[in-house]
Amino acid sequence: MMEILIVSHSEAIAKGVKALLEQMAQDVVVKVTGGINGEIGTSIDDIMQMFDSVEGEALCFYDIGSSKMNIEMALEMNDYSNIHIAHYPIVEGAFLASVESKIGKGYKEILESLSNNFKEK
């Protein structure tokens, strides 16, 4: 099953998204990192530690610019070919991805579904 990763500048947001996903799609593995020592920010070291714990494929959602930059740097610095960035809303996108992962879809199918659901209208 696809793992869902959340990178947020806020520990509370990261944990809140995790709680939502775990209630709506039990058995889907959700891992999060958010904030730095109780303050706002993201840590590339924390991101790499989370990435190192992934078993199988994972989709990684993020909140704002520098979290994306830290994710991209972590991916460039290591061989995390099993981790895919999801450039979609952190709450709605991760929610949809977790539900689709629960029913057995792989990352390519989930990314296609996310693309279809978040097109400009």
PDB file of N, CA and C in Angstrom:
ATOM      1  N   MET A   1       0.842  -1.177   0.000  1.00  0.00           N
ATOM      2  CA  MET A   1       0.000   0.000   0.000  1.00  0.00           C
ATOM      3  C   MET A   1       0.892   1.247   0.000  1.00  0.00           C
ATOM      4  N   MET A   2       0.476   2.236  -0.737  1.00  0.00           N
ATOM      5  CA  MET A   2       1.199   3.495  -0.847  1.00  0.00           C
ATOM      6  C   MET A   2       1.239   4.201   0.508  1.00  0.00           C
ATOM      7  N   GLU A   3       2.426   4.658   0.922  1.00  0.00           N
ATOM      8  CA  GLU A   3       2.533   5.466   2.134  1.00  0.00           C
ATOM      9  C   GLU A   3       2.287   6.928   1.772  1.00  0.00           C
ATOM     10  N   ILE A   4       1.752   7.671   2.724  1.00  0.00           N
ATOM     11  CA  ILE A   4       1.502   9.095   2.555  1.00  0.00           C
ATOM     12  C   ILE A   4       2.436   9.843   3.494  1.00  0.00           C
ATOM     13  N   LEU A   5       3.177  10.807   2.938  1.00  0.00           N
ATOM     14  CA  LEU A   5       4.102  11.612   3.720  1.00  0.00           C
ATOM     15  C   LEU A   5       3.636  13.063   3.714  1.00  0.00           C
ATOM     16  N   ILE A   6       3.732  13.702   4.862  1.00  0.00           N
ATOM     17  CA  ILE A   6       3.311  15.095   5.005  1.00  0.00           C
ATOM     18  C   ILE A   6       4.492  15.905   5.522  1.00  0.00           C
ATOM     19  N   VAL A   7       4.811  16.997   4.825  1.00  0.00           N
ATOM     20  CA  VAL A   7       5.835  17.938   5.284  1.00  0.00           C
ATOM     21  C   VAL A   7       5.162  19.297   5.425  1.00  0.00           C
ATOM     22  N   SER A   8       5.131  19.799   6.654  1.00  0.00           N
ATOM     23  CA  SER A   8       4.505  21.088   6.929  1.00  0.00           C
ATOM     24  C   SER A   8       5.431  21.949   7.762  1.00  0.00           C
ATOM     25  N   HIS A   9       5.254  23.240   7.652  1.00  0.00           N
ATOM     26  CA  HIS A   9       5.987  24.172   8.506  1.00  0.00           C
ATOM     27  C   HIS A   9       5.446  24.159   9.935  1.00  0.00           C
ATOM     28  N   SER A  10       4.292  23.564  10.114  1.00  0.00           N
ATOM     29  CA  SER A  10       3.632  23.547  11.414  1.00  0.00           C
ATOM     30  C   SER A  10       3.467  22.118  11.911  1.00  0.00           C
ATOM     31  N   GLU A  11       3.967  21.845  13.096  1.00  0.00           N
ATOM     32  CA  GLU A  11       3.794  20.522  13.691  1.00  0.00           C
ATOM     33  C   GLU A  11       2.310  20.214  13.882  1.00  0.00           C
ATOM     34  N   ALA A  12       1.530  21.227  14.285  1.00  0.00           N
ATOM     35  CA  ALA A  12       0.097  21.017  14.510  1.00  0.00           C
ATOM     36  C   ALA A  12      -0.629  20.660  13.218  1.00  0.00           C
ATOM     37  N   ILE A  13      -0.288  21.324  12.133  1.00  0.00           N
ATOM     38  CA  ILE A  13      -0.915  21.001  10.848  1.00  0.00           C
ATOM     39  C   ILE A  13      -0.543  19.586  10.432  1.00  0.00           C
ATOM     40  N   ALA A  14       0.738  19.241  10.527  1.00  0.00           N
ATOM     41  CA  ALA A  14       1.189  17.895  10.137  1.00  0.00           C
ATOM     42  C   ALA A  14       0.447  16.826  10.939  1.00  0.00           C
ATOM     43  N   LYS A  15       0.379  17.005  12.250  1.00  0.00           N
ATOM     44  CA  LYS A  15      -0.298  16.017  13.092  1.00  0.00           C
ATOM     45  C   LYS A  15      -1.805  15.995  12.843  1.00  0.00           C
ATOM     46  N   GLY A  16      -2.391  17.153  12.548  1.00  0.00           N
ATOM     47  CA  GLY A  16      -3.821  17.214  12.259  1.00  0.00           C
ATOM     48  C   GLY A  16      -4.182  16.492  10.979  1.00  0.00           C
ATOM     49  N   VAL A  17      -3.378  16.679   9.943  1.00  0.00           N
ATOM     50  CA  VAL A  17      -3.612  15.975   8.681  1.00  0.00           C
ATOM     51  C   VAL A  17      -3.471  14.472   8.904  1.00  0.00           C
ATOM     52  N   LYS A  18      -2.461  14.071   9.654  1.00  0.00           N
ATOM     53  CA  LYS A  18      -2.263  12.652   9.957  1.00  0.00           C
ATOM     54  C   LYS A  18      -3.486  12.075  10.665  1.00  0.00           C
ATOM     55  N   ALA A  19      -4.000  12.786  11.658  1.00  0.00           N
ATOM     56  CA  ALA A  19      -5.178  12.307  12.400  1.00  0.00           C
ATOM     57  C   ALA A  19      -6.381  12.154  11.470  1.00  0.00           C
ATOM     58  N   LEU A  20      -6.591  13.110  10.584  1.00  0.00           N
ATOM     59  CA  LEU A  20      -7.699  13.040   9.634  1.00  0.00           C
ATOM     60  C   LEU A  20      -7.563  11.825   8.721  1.00  0.00           C
ATOM     61  N   LEU A  21      -6.385  11.650   8.156  1.00  0.00           N
ATOM     62  CA  LEU A  21      -6.176  10.547   7.224  1.00  0.00           C
ATOM     63  C   LEU A  21      -6.322   9.198   7.918  1.00  0.00           C
ATOM     64  N   GLU A  22      -5.804   9.080   9.121  1.00  0.00           N
ATOM     65  CA  GLU A  22      -5.886   7.810   9.830  1.00  0.00           C
ATOM     66  C   GLU A  22      -7.320   7.457  10.217  1.00  0.00           C
ATOM     67  N   GLN A  23      -8.158   8.463  10.435  1.00  0.00           N
ATOM     68  CA  GLN A  23      -9.564   8.186  10.729  1.00  0.00           C
ATOM     69  C   GLN A  23     -10.333   7.789   9.476  1.00  0.00           C
ATOM     70  N   MET A  24      -9.971   8.364   8.355  1.00  0.00           N
ATOM     71  CA  MET A  24     -10.732   8.138   7.129  1.00  0.00           C
ATOM     72  C   MET A  24     -10.226   6.946   6.316  1.00  0.00           C
ATOM     73  N   ALA A  25      -8.975   6.588   6.471  1.00  0.00           N
ATOM     74  CA  ALA A  25      -8.412   5.490   5.684  1.00  0.00           C
ATOM     75  C   ALA A  25      -7.491   4.669   6.592  1.00  0.00           C
ATOM     76  N   GLN A  26      -8.129   3.947   7.503  1.00  0.00           N
ATOM     77  CA  GLN A  26      -7.343   3.121   8.413  1.00  0.00           C
ATOM     78  C   GLN A  26      -6.429   2.196   7.613  1.00  0.00           C
ATOM     79  N   ASP A  27      -5.320   1.843   8.209  1.00  0.00           N
ATOM     80  CA  ASP A  27      -4.322   0.935   7.650  1.00  0.00           C
ATOM     81  C   ASP A  27      -3.389   1.595   6.642  1.00  0.00           C
ATOM     82  N   VAL A  28      -3.672   2.816   6.204  1.00  0.00           N
ATOM     83  CA  VAL A  28      -2.738   3.519   5.336  1.00  0.00           C
ATOM     84  C   VAL A  28      -1.661   4.124   6.234  1.00  0.00           C
ATOM     85  N   VAL A  29      -0.408   3.902   5.864  1.00  0.00           N
ATOM     86  CA  VAL A  29       0.700   4.439   6.649  1.00  0.00           C
ATOM     87  C   VAL A  29       0.859   5.920   6.322  1.00  0.00           C
ATOM     88  N   VAL A  30       0.768   6.751   7.360  1.00  0.00           N
ATOM     89  CA  VAL A  30       0.930   8.194   7.216  1.00  0.00           C
ATOM     90  C   VAL A  30       2.080   8.622   8.123  1.00  0.00           C
ATOM     91  N   LYS A  31       3.071   9.270   7.525  1.00  0.00           N
ATOM     92  CA  LYS A  31       4.220   9.761   8.284  1.00  0.00           C
ATOM     93  C   LYS A  31       4.314  11.263   8.086  1.00  0.00           C
ATOM     94  N   VAL A  32       4.678  11.967   9.140  1.00  0.00           N
ATOM     95  CA  VAL A  32       4.700  13.427   9.061  1.00  0.00           C
ATOM     96  C   VAL A  32       5.957  13.998   9.694  1.00  0.00           C
ATOM     97  N   THR A  33       6.306  15.176   9.220  1.00  0.00           N
ATOM     98  CA  THR A  33       7.287  16.012   9.885  1.00  0.00           C
ATOM     99  C   THR A  33       6.809  17.444   9.751  1.00  0.00           C
ATOM    100  N   GLY A  34       6.912  18.175  10.848  1.00  0.00           N
ATOM    101  CA  GLY A  34       6.444  19.555  10.825  1.00  0.00           C
ATOM    102  C   GLY A  34       7.079  20.378  11.916  1.00  0.00           C
ATOM    103  N   GLY A  35       7.437  21.592  11.547  1.00  0.00           N
ATOM    104  CA  GLY A  35       8.029  22.503  12.511  1.00  0.00           C
ATOM    105  C   GLY A  35       9.451  22.113  12.868  1.00  0.00           C
ATOM    106  N   ILE A  36      10.097  23.022  13.599  1.00  0.00           N
ATOM    107  CA  ILE A  36      11.453  22.788  14.104  1.00  0.00           C
ATOM    108  C   ILE A  36      11.474  23.224  15.566  1.00  0.00           C
ATOM    109  N   ASN A  37      11.669  22.274  16.455  1.00  0.00           N
ATOM    110  CA  ASN A  37      11.743  22.562  17.893  1.00  0.00           C
ATOM    111  C   ASN A  37      10.585  23.427  18.385  1.00  0.00           C
ATOM    112  N   GLY A  38       9.375  23.077  17.961  1.00  0.00           N
ATOM    113  CA  GLY A  38       8.190  23.803  18.404  1.00  0.00           C
ATOM    114  C   GLY A  38       7.927  25.108  17.681  1.00  0.00           C
ATOM    115  N   GLU A  39       8.768  25.458  16.757  1.00  0.00           N
ATOM    116  CA  GLU A  39       8.606  26.690  15.986  1.00  0.00           C
ATOM    117  C   GLU A  39       8.220  26.346  14.548  1.00  0.00           C
ATOM    118  N   ILE A  40       7.914  27.356  13.765  1.00  0.00           N
ATOM    119  CA  ILE A  40       7.554  27.189  12.364  1.00  0.00           C
ATOM    120  C   ILE A  40       8.821  26.924  11.539  1.00  0.00           C
ATOM    121  N   GLY A  41       8.749  25.955  10.640  1.00  0.00           N
ATOM    122  CA  GLY A  41       9.872  25.672   9.744  1.00  0.00           C
ATOM    123  C   GLY A  41       9.896  24.223   9.334  1.00  0.00           C
ATOM    124  N   THR A  42      10.824  23.896   8.436  1.00  0.00           N
ATOM    125  CA  THR A  42      11.037  22.510   8.037  1.00  0.00           C
ATOM    126  C   THR A  42      12.522  22.201   8.107  1.00  0.00           C
ATOM    127  N   SER A  43      12.831  20.951   8.347  1.00  0.00           N
ATOM    128  CA  SER A  43      14.215  20.513   8.490  1.00  0.00           C
ATOM    129  C   SER A  43      14.509  19.430   7.464  1.00  0.00           C
ATOM    130  N   ILE A  44      15.538  19.665   6.644  1.00  0.00           N
ATOM    131  CA  ILE A  44      15.909  18.655   5.663  1.00  0.00           C
ATOM    132  C   ILE A  44      16.331  17.362   6.357  1.00  0.00           C
ATOM    133  N   ASP A  45      16.967  17.475   7.516  1.00  0.00           N
ATOM    134  CA  ASP A  45      17.367  16.272   8.260  1.00  0.00           C
ATOM    135  C   ASP A  45      16.149  15.467   8.702  1.00  0.00           C
ATOM    136  N   ASP A  46      15.112  16.144   9.189  1.00  0.00           N
ATOM    137  CA  ASP A  46      13.881  15.451   9.589  1.00  0.00           C
ATOM    138  C   ASP A  46      13.199  14.816   8.380  1.00  0.00           C
ATOM    139  N   ILE A  47      13.231  15.517   7.257  1.00  0.00           N
ATOM    140  CA  ILE A  47      12.627  14.985   6.034  1.00  0.00           C
ATOM    141  C   ILE A  47      13.364  13.725   5.593  1.00  0.00           C
ATOM    142  N   MET A  48      14.698  13.772   5.597  1.00  0.00           N
ATOM    143  CA  MET A  48      15.467  12.593   5.185  1.00  0.00           C
ATOM    144  C   MET A  48      15.254  11.434   6.152  1.00  0.00           C
ATOM    145  N   GLN A  49      15.136  11.716   7.427  1.00  0.00           N
ATOM    146  CA  GLN A  49      14.860  10.658   8.405  1.00  0.00           C
ATOM    147  C   GLN A  49      13.511  10.010   8.104  1.00  0.00           C
ATOM    148  N   MET A  50      12.505  10.823   7.778  1.00  0.00           N
ATOM    149  CA  MET A  50      11.198  10.277   7.413  1.00  0.00           C
ATOM    150  C   MET A  50      11.313   9.453   6.129  1.00  0.00           C
ATOM    151  N   PHE A  51      12.015   9.980   5.130  1.00  0.00           N
ATOM    152  CA  PHE A  51      12.186   9.260   3.870  1.00  0.00           C
ATOM    153  C   PHE A  51      12.893   7.921   4.089  1.00  0.00           C
ATOM    154  N   ASP A  52      13.878   7.903   4.979  1.00  0.00           N
ATOM    155  CA  ASP A  52      14.614   6.667   5.264  1.00  0.00           C
ATOM    156  C   ASP A  52      13.713   5.579   5.850  1.00  0.00           C
ATOM    157  N   SER A  53      12.626   5.972   6.488  1.00  0.00           N
ATOM    158  CA  SER A  53      11.730   5.012   7.144  1.00  0.00           C
ATOM    159  C   SER A  53      10.677   4.427   6.211  1.00  0.00           C
ATOM    160  N   VAL A  54      10.621   4.930   4.972  1.00  0.00           N
ATOM    161  CA  VAL A  54       9.598   4.484   4.024  1.00  0.00           C
ATOM    162  C   VAL A  54       9.901   3.080   3.521  1.00  0.00           C
ATOM    163  N   GLU A  55       8.880   2.247   3.548  1.00  0.00           N
ATOM    164  CA  GLU A  55       8.971   0.905   2.976  1.00  0.00           C
ATOM    165  C   GLU A  55       8.070   0.879   1.754  1.00  0.00           C
ATOM    166  N   GLY A  56       8.621   0.697   0.597  1.00  0.00           N
ATOM    167  CA  GLY A  56       7.814   0.697  -0.624  1.00  0.00           C
ATOM    168  C   GLY A  56       7.720   2.087  -1.221  1.00  0.00           C
ATOM    169  N   GLU A  57       6.582   2.352  -1.871  1.00  0.00           N
ATOM    170  CA  GLU A  57       6.349   3.628  -2.557  1.00  0.00           C
ATOM    171  C   GLU A  57       5.659   4.614  -1.620  1.00  0.00           C
ATOM    172  N   ALA A  58       5.906   5.919  -1.852  1.00  0.00           N
ATOM    173  CA  ALA A  58       5.272   6.957  -1.039  1.00  0.00           C
ATOM    174  C   ALA A  58       5.004   8.195  -1.881  1.00  0.00           C
ATOM    175  N   LEU A  59       3.925   8.874  -1.526  1.00  0.00           N
ATOM    176  CA  LEU A  59       3.613  10.186  -2.074  1.00  0.00           C
ATOM    177  C   LEU A  59       3.837  11.203  -0.967  1.00  0.00           C
ATOM    178  N   CYS A  60       4.532  12.288  -1.291  1.00  0.00           N
ATOM    179  CA  CYS A  60       4.865  13.309  -0.310  1.00  0.00           C
ATOM    180  C   CYS A  60       4.143  14.613  -0.637  1.00  0.00           C
ATOM    181  N   PHE A  61       3.332  15.075   0.307  1.00  0.00           N
ATOM    182  CA  PHE A  61       2.605  16.342   0.198  1.00  0.00           C
ATOM    183  C   PHE A  61       3.306  17.380   1.064  1.00  0.00           C
ATOM    184  N   TYR A  62       3.230  18.644   0.680  1.00  0.00           N
ATOM    185  CA  TYR A  62       3.908  19.718   1.404  1.00  0.00           C
ATOM    186  C   TYR A  62       3.007  20.938   1.454  1.00  0.00           C
ATOM    187  N   ASP A  63       3.339  21.871   2.352  1.00  0.00           N
ATOM    188  CA  ASP A  63       2.489  23.043   2.460  1.00  0.00           C
ATOM    189  C   ASP A  63       2.978  24.238   1.635  1.00  0.00           C
ATOM    190  N   ILE A  64       4.159  24.750   1.880  1.00  0.00           N
ATOM    191  CA  ILE A  64       4.596  25.949   1.159  1.00  0.00           C
ATOM    192  C   ILE A  64       6.023  25.806   0.656  1.00  0.00           C
ATOM    193  N   GLY A  65       6.458  26.811  -0.090  1.00  0.00           N
ATOM    194  CA  GLY A  65       7.689  26.818  -0.862  1.00  0.00           C
ATOM    195  C   GLY A  65       8.924  26.161  -0.301  1.00  0.00           C
ATOM    196  N   SER A  66       9.368  26.574   0.884  1.00  0.00           N
ATOM    197  CA  SER A  66      10.635  26.024   1.362  1.00  0.00           C
ATOM    198  C   SER A  66      10.514  24.561   1.771  1.00  0.00           C
ATOM    199  N   SER A  67       9.315  24.100   2.096  1.00  0.00           N
ATOM    200  CA  SER A  67       9.169  22.657   2.357  1.00  0.00           C
ATOM    201  C   SER A  67       9.372  21.887   1.055  1.00  0.00           C
ATOM    202  N   LYS A  68       8.853  22.408  -0.040  1.00  0.00           N
ATOM    203  CA  LYS A  68       9.077  21.780  -1.343  1.00  0.00           C
ATOM    204  C   LYS A  68      10.566  21.771  -1.677  1.00  0.00           C
ATOM    205  N   MET A  69      11.238  22.894  -1.412  1.00  0.00           N
ATOM    206  CA  MET A  69      12.668  22.992  -1.693  1.00  0.00           C
ATOM    207  C   MET A  69      13.447  21.960  -0.870  1.00  0.00           C
ATOM    208  N   ASN A  70      13.110  21.805   0.405  1.00  0.00           N
ATOM    209  CA  ASN A  70      13.806  20.828   1.242  1.00  0.00           C
ATOM    210  C   ASN A  70      13.531  19.394   0.795  1.00  0.00           C
ATOM    211  N   ILE A  71      12.322  19.121   0.361  1.00  0.00           N
ATOM    212  CA  ILE A  71      11.991  17.794  -0.169  1.00  0.00           C
ATOM    213  C   ILE A  71      12.833  17.518  -1.414  1.00  0.00           C
ATOM    214  N   GLU A  72      12.875  18.482  -2.322  1.00  0.00           N
ATOM    215  CA  GLU A  72      13.640  18.315  -3.559  1.00  0.00           C
ATOM    216  C   GLU A  72      15.127  18.120  -3.269  1.00  0.00           C
ATOM    217  N   MET A  73      15.669  18.870  -2.303  1.00  0.00           N
ATOM    218  CA  MET A  73      17.084  18.695  -1.946  1.00  0.00           C
ATOM    219  C   MET A  73      17.331  17.306  -1.368  1.00  0.00           C
ATOM    220  N   ALA A  74      16.431  16.837  -0.516  1.00  0.00           N
ATOM    221  CA  ALA A  74      16.582  15.490   0.061  1.00  0.00           C
ATOM    222  C   ALA A  74      16.564  14.438  -1.043  1.00  0.00           C
ATOM    223  N   LEU A  75      15.670  14.608  -2.016  1.00  0.00           N
ATOM    224  CA  LEU A  75      15.587  13.651  -3.118  1.00  0.00           C
ATOM    225  C   LEU A  75      16.847  13.676  -3.973  1.00  0.00           C
ATOM    226  N   GLU A  76      17.433  14.855  -4.145  1.00  0.00           N
ATOM    227  CA  GLU A  76      18.657  14.980  -4.943  1.00  0.00           C
ATOM    228  C   GLU A  76      19.872  14.410  -4.219  1.00  0.00           C
ATOM    229  N   MET A  77      19.895  14.510  -2.896  1.00  0.00           N
ATOM    230  CA  MET A  77      21.050  14.086  -2.108  1.00  0.00           C
ATOM    231  C   MET A  77      21.104  12.573  -1.885  1.00  0.00           C
ATOM    232  N   ASN A  78      19.984  11.894  -2.053  1.00  0.00           N
ATOM    233  CA  ASN A  78      19.912  10.464  -1.761  1.00  0.00           C
ATOM    234  C   ASN A  78      19.108   9.754  -2.835  1.00  0.00           C
ATOM    235  N   ASP A  79      19.199   8.436  -2.828  1.00  0.00           N
ATOM    236  CA  ASP A  79      18.431   7.646  -3.791  1.00  0.00           C
ATOM    237  C   ASP A  79      17.068   7.305  -3.194  1.00  0.00           C
ATOM    238  N   TYR A  80      16.145   8.251  -3.307  1.00  0.00           N
ATOM    239  CA  TYR A  80      14.783   8.038  -2.840  1.00  0.00           C
ATOM    240  C   TYR A  80      13.856   7.914  -4.052  1.00  0.00           C
ATOM    241  N   SER A  81      14.176   7.031  -4.955  1.00  0.00           N
ATOM    242  CA  SER A  81      13.382   6.890  -6.178  1.00  0.00           C
ATOM    243  C   SER A  81      11.985   6.352  -5.894  1.00  0.00           C
ATOM    244  N   ASN A  82      11.754   5.884  -4.691  1.00  0.00           N
ATOM    245  CA  ASN A  82      10.442   5.369  -4.297  1.00  0.00           C
ATOM    246  C   ASN A  82       9.533   6.455  -3.731  1.00  0.00           C
ATOM    247  N   ILE A  83      10.038   7.674  -3.628  1.00  0.00           N
ATOM    248  CA  ILE A  83       9.250   8.774  -3.061  1.00  0.00           C
ATOM    249  C   ILE A  83       8.931   9.760  -4.168  1.00  0.00           C
ATOM    250  N   HIS A  84       7.669  10.106  -4.267  1.00  0.00           N
ATOM    251  CA  HIS A  84       7.174  10.965  -5.343  1.00  0.00           C
ATOM    252  C   HIS A  84       6.501  12.191  -4.739  1.00  0.00           C
ATOM    253  N   ILE A  85       6.871  13.366  -5.251  1.00  0.00           N
ATOM    254  CA  ILE A  85       6.271  14.608  -4.754  1.00  0.00           C
ATOM    255  C   ILE A  85       4.879  14.759  -5.356  1.00  0.00           C
ATOM    256  N   ALA A  86       3.929  15.098  -4.502  1.00  0.00           N
ATOM    257  CA  ALA A  86       2.558  15.353  -4.937  1.00  0.00           C
ATOM    258  C   ALA A  86       2.314  16.858  -4.831  1.00  0.00           C
ATOM    259  N   HIS A  87       2.238  17.526  -5.957  1.00  0.00           N
ATOM    260  CA  HIS A  87       2.065  18.976  -5.996  1.00  0.00           C
ATOM    261  C   HIS A  87       0.569  19.330  -5.965  1.00  0.00           C
ATOM    262  N   TYR A  88      -0.079  18.942  -4.894  1.00  0.00           N
ATOM    263  CA  TYR A  88      -1.524  19.145  -4.736  1.00  0.00           C
ATOM    264  C   TYR A  88      -1.796  19.611  -3.316  1.00  0.00           C
ATOM    265  N   PRO A  89      -2.989  20.143  -3.054  1.00  0.00           N
ATOM    266  CA  PRO A  89      -3.294  20.646  -1.711  1.00  0.00           C
ATOM    267  C   PRO A  89      -3.011  19.601  -0.629  1.00  0.00           C
ATOM    268  N   ILE A  90      -2.388  20.053   0.436  1.00  0.00           N
ATOM    269  CA  ILE A  90      -1.901  19.133   1.467  1.00  0.00           C
ATOM    270  C   ILE A  90      -3.035  18.355   2.136  1.00  0.00           C
ATOM    271  N   VAL A  91      -4.148  19.006   2.442  1.00  0.00           N
ATOM    272  CA  VAL A  91      -5.239  18.301   3.130  1.00  0.00           C
ATOM    273  C   VAL A  91      -6.071  17.507   2.133  1.00  0.00           C
ATOM    274  N   GLU A  92      -6.633  18.197   1.138  1.00  0.00           N
ATOM    275  CA  GLU A  92      -7.518  17.527   0.192  1.00  0.00           C
ATOM    276  C   GLU A  92      -6.770  16.486  -0.640  1.00  0.00           C
ATOM    277  N   GLY A  93      -5.565  16.827  -1.075  1.00  0.00           N
ATOM    278  CA  GLY A  93      -4.783  15.901  -1.887  1.00  0.00           C
ATOM    279  C   GLY A  93      -4.380  14.660  -1.112  1.00  0.00           C
ATOM    280  N   ALA A  94      -3.882  14.868   0.104  1.00  0.00           N
ATOM    281  CA  ALA A  94      -3.470  13.728   0.923  1.00  0.00           C
ATOM    282  C   ALA A  94      -4.665  12.866   1.301  1.00  0.00           C
ATOM    283  N   PHE A  95      -5.806  13.503   1.526  1.00  0.00           N
ATOM    284  CA  PHE A  95      -7.031  12.754   1.834  1.00  0.00           C
ATOM    285  C   PHE A  95      -7.396  11.832   0.672  1.00  0.00           C
ATOM    286  N   LEU A  96      -7.467  12.397  -0.534  1.00  0.00           N
ATOM    287  CA  LEU A  96      -7.803  11.597  -1.715  1.00  0.00           C
ATOM    288  C   LEU A  96      -6.771  10.491  -1.934  1.00  0.00           C
ATOM    289  N   ALA A  97      -5.503  10.825  -1.796  1.00  0.00           N
ATOM    290  CA  ALA A  97      -4.445   9.835  -2.000  1.00  0.00           C
ATOM    291  C   ALA A  97      -4.542   8.694  -0.993  1.00  0.00           C
ATOM    292  N   SER A  98      -4.851   9.002   0.250  1.00  0.00           N
ATOM    293  CA  SER A  98      -4.935   7.948   1.265  1.00  0.00           C
ATOM    294  C   SER A  98      -6.104   7.008   0.994  1.00  0.00           C
ATOM    295  N   VAL A  99      -7.225   7.565   0.583  1.00  0.00           N
ATOM    296  CA  VAL A  99      -8.390   6.729   0.266  1.00  0.00           C
ATOM    297  C   VAL A  99      -8.079   5.844  -0.946  1.00  0.00           C
ATOM    298  N   GLU A 100      -7.454   6.411  -1.960  1.00  0.00           N
ATOM    299  CA  GLU A 100      -7.129   5.631  -3.156  1.00  0.00           C
ATOM    300  C   GLU A 100      -6.048   4.592  -2.876  1.00  0.00           C
ATOM    301  N   SER A 101      -5.133   4.915  -1.997  1.00  0.00           N
ATOM    302  CA  SER A 101      -4.126   3.931  -1.603  1.00  0.00           C
ATOM    303  C   SER A 101      -4.784   2.758  -0.884  1.00  0.00           C
ATOM    304  N   LYS A 102      -5.751   3.063  -0.044  1.00  0.00           N
ATOM    305  CA  LYS A 102      -6.452   2.021   0.719  1.00  0.00           C
ATOM    306  C   LYS A 102      -7.142   1.021  -0.207  1.00  0.00           C
ATOM    307  N   ILE A 103      -7.613   1.501  -1.356  1.00  0.00           N
ATOM    308  CA  ILE A 103      -8.292   0.577  -2.283  1.00  0.00           C
ATOM    309  C   ILE A 103      -7.320  -0.055  -3.283  1.00  0.00           C
ATOM    310  N   GLY A 104      -6.015   0.173  -3.063  1.00  0.00           N
ATOM    311  CA  GLY A 104      -5.012  -0.557  -3.824  1.00  0.00           C
ATOM    312  C   GLY A 104      -4.407   0.131  -5.024  1.00  0.00           C
ATOM    313  N   LYS A 105      -4.684   1.402  -5.216  1.00  0.00           N
ATOM    314  CA  LYS A 105      -4.098   2.097  -6.358  1.00  0.00           C
ATOM    315  C   LYS A 105      -2.625   2.408  -6.098  1.00  0.00           C
ATOM    316  N   GLY A 106      -1.830   2.390  -7.151  1.00  0.00           N
ATOM    317  CA  GLY A 106      -0.423   2.733  -7.084  1.00  0.00           C
ATOM    318  C   GLY A 106      -0.217   4.223  -7.287  1.00  0.00           C
ATOM    319  N   TYR A 107       1.032   4.676  -7.142  1.00  0.00           N
ATOM    320  CA  TYR A 107       1.291   6.112  -7.177  1.00  0.00           C
ATOM    321  C   TYR A 107       0.936   6.754  -8.514  1.00  0.00           C
ATOM    322  N   LYS A 108       1.145   6.066  -9.635  1.00  0.00           N
ATOM    323  CA  LYS A 108       0.816   6.658 -10.933  1.00  0.00           C
ATOM    324  C   LYS A 108      -0.686   6.875 -11.065  1.00  0.00           C
ATOM    325  N   GLU A 109      -1.468   5.896 -10.639  1.00  0.00           N
ATOM    326  CA  GLU A 109      -2.935   6.031 -10.689  1.00  0.00           C
ATOM    327  C   GLU A 109      -3.414   7.133  -9.751  1.00  0.00           C
ATOM    328  N   ILE A 110      -2.795   7.214  -8.587  1.00  0.00           N
ATOM    329  CA  ILE A 110      -3.199   8.238  -7.621  1.00  0.00           C
ATOM    330  C   ILE A 110      -2.845   9.632  -8.141  1.00  0.00           C
ATOM    331  N   LEU A 111      -1.652   9.792  -8.705  1.00  0.00           N
ATOM    332  CA  LEU A 111      -1.273  11.097  -9.262  1.00  0.00           C
ATOM    333  C   LEU A 111      -2.195  11.499 -10.409  1.00  0.00           C
ATOM    334  N   GLU A 112      -2.598  10.533 -11.215  1.00  0.00           N
ATOM    335  CA  GLU A 112      -3.546  10.826 -12.303  1.00  0.00           C
ATOM    336  C   GLU A 112      -4.890  11.287 -11.736  1.00  0.00           C
ATOM    337  N   SER A 113      -5.349  10.608 -10.711  1.00  0.00           N
ATOM    338  CA  SER A 113      -6.604  10.985 -10.065  1.00  0.00           C
ATOM    339  C   SER A 113      -6.506  12.375  -9.441  1.00  0.00           C
ATOM    340  N   LEU A 114      -5.384  12.660  -8.790  1.00  0.00           N
ATOM    341  CA  LEU A 114      -5.183  13.986  -8.205  1.00  0.00           C
ATOM    342  C   LEU A 114      -5.209  15.050  -9.294  1.00  0.00           C
ATOM    343  N   SER A 115      -4.542  14.778 -10.402  1.00  0.00           N
ATOM    344  CA  SER A 115      -4.527  15.716 -11.515  1.00  0.00           C
ATOM    345  C   SER A 115      -5.937  15.984 -12.026  1.00  0.00           C
ATOM    346  N   ASN A 116      -6.714  14.930 -12.170  1.00  0.00           N
ATOM    347  CA  ASN A 116      -8.088  15.075 -12.658  1.00  0.00           C
ATOM    348  C   ASN A 116      -8.974  15.832 -11.669  1.00  0.00           C
ATOM    349  N   ASN A 117      -8.745  15.646 -10.379  1.00  0.00           N
ATOM    350  CA  ASN A 117      -9.588  16.275  -9.369  1.00  0.00           C
ATOM    351  C   ASN A 117      -9.211  17.710  -9.047  1.00  0.00           C
ATOM    352  N   PHE A 118      -8.005  18.123  -9.381  1.00  0.00           N
ATOM    353  CA  PHE A 118      -7.561  19.460  -9.033  1.00  0.00           C
ATOM    354  C   PHE A 118      -7.255  20.323 -10.244  1.00  0.00           C
ATOM    355  N   LYS A 119      -7.893  20.011 -11.380  1.00  0.00           N
ATOM    356  CA  LYS A 119      -7.767  20.852 -12.568  1.00  0.00           C
ATOM    357  C   LYS A 119      -8.502  22.158 -12.313  1.00  0.00           C
ATOM    358  N   GLU A 120      -8.007  23.208 -12.954  1.00  0.00           N
ATOM    359  CA  GLU A 120      -8.730  24.483 -12.881  1.00  0.00           C
ATOM    360  C   GLU A 120     -10.053  24.348 -13.601  1.00  0.00           C
ATOM    361  N   LYS A 121     -11.055  24.959 -13.016  1.00  0.00           N
ATOM    362  CA  LYS A 121     -12.390  24.875 -13.625  1.00  0.00           C
ATOM    363  C   LYS A 121     -12.843  26.233 -14.077  1.00  0.00           C
TER     364      LYS A 121
END
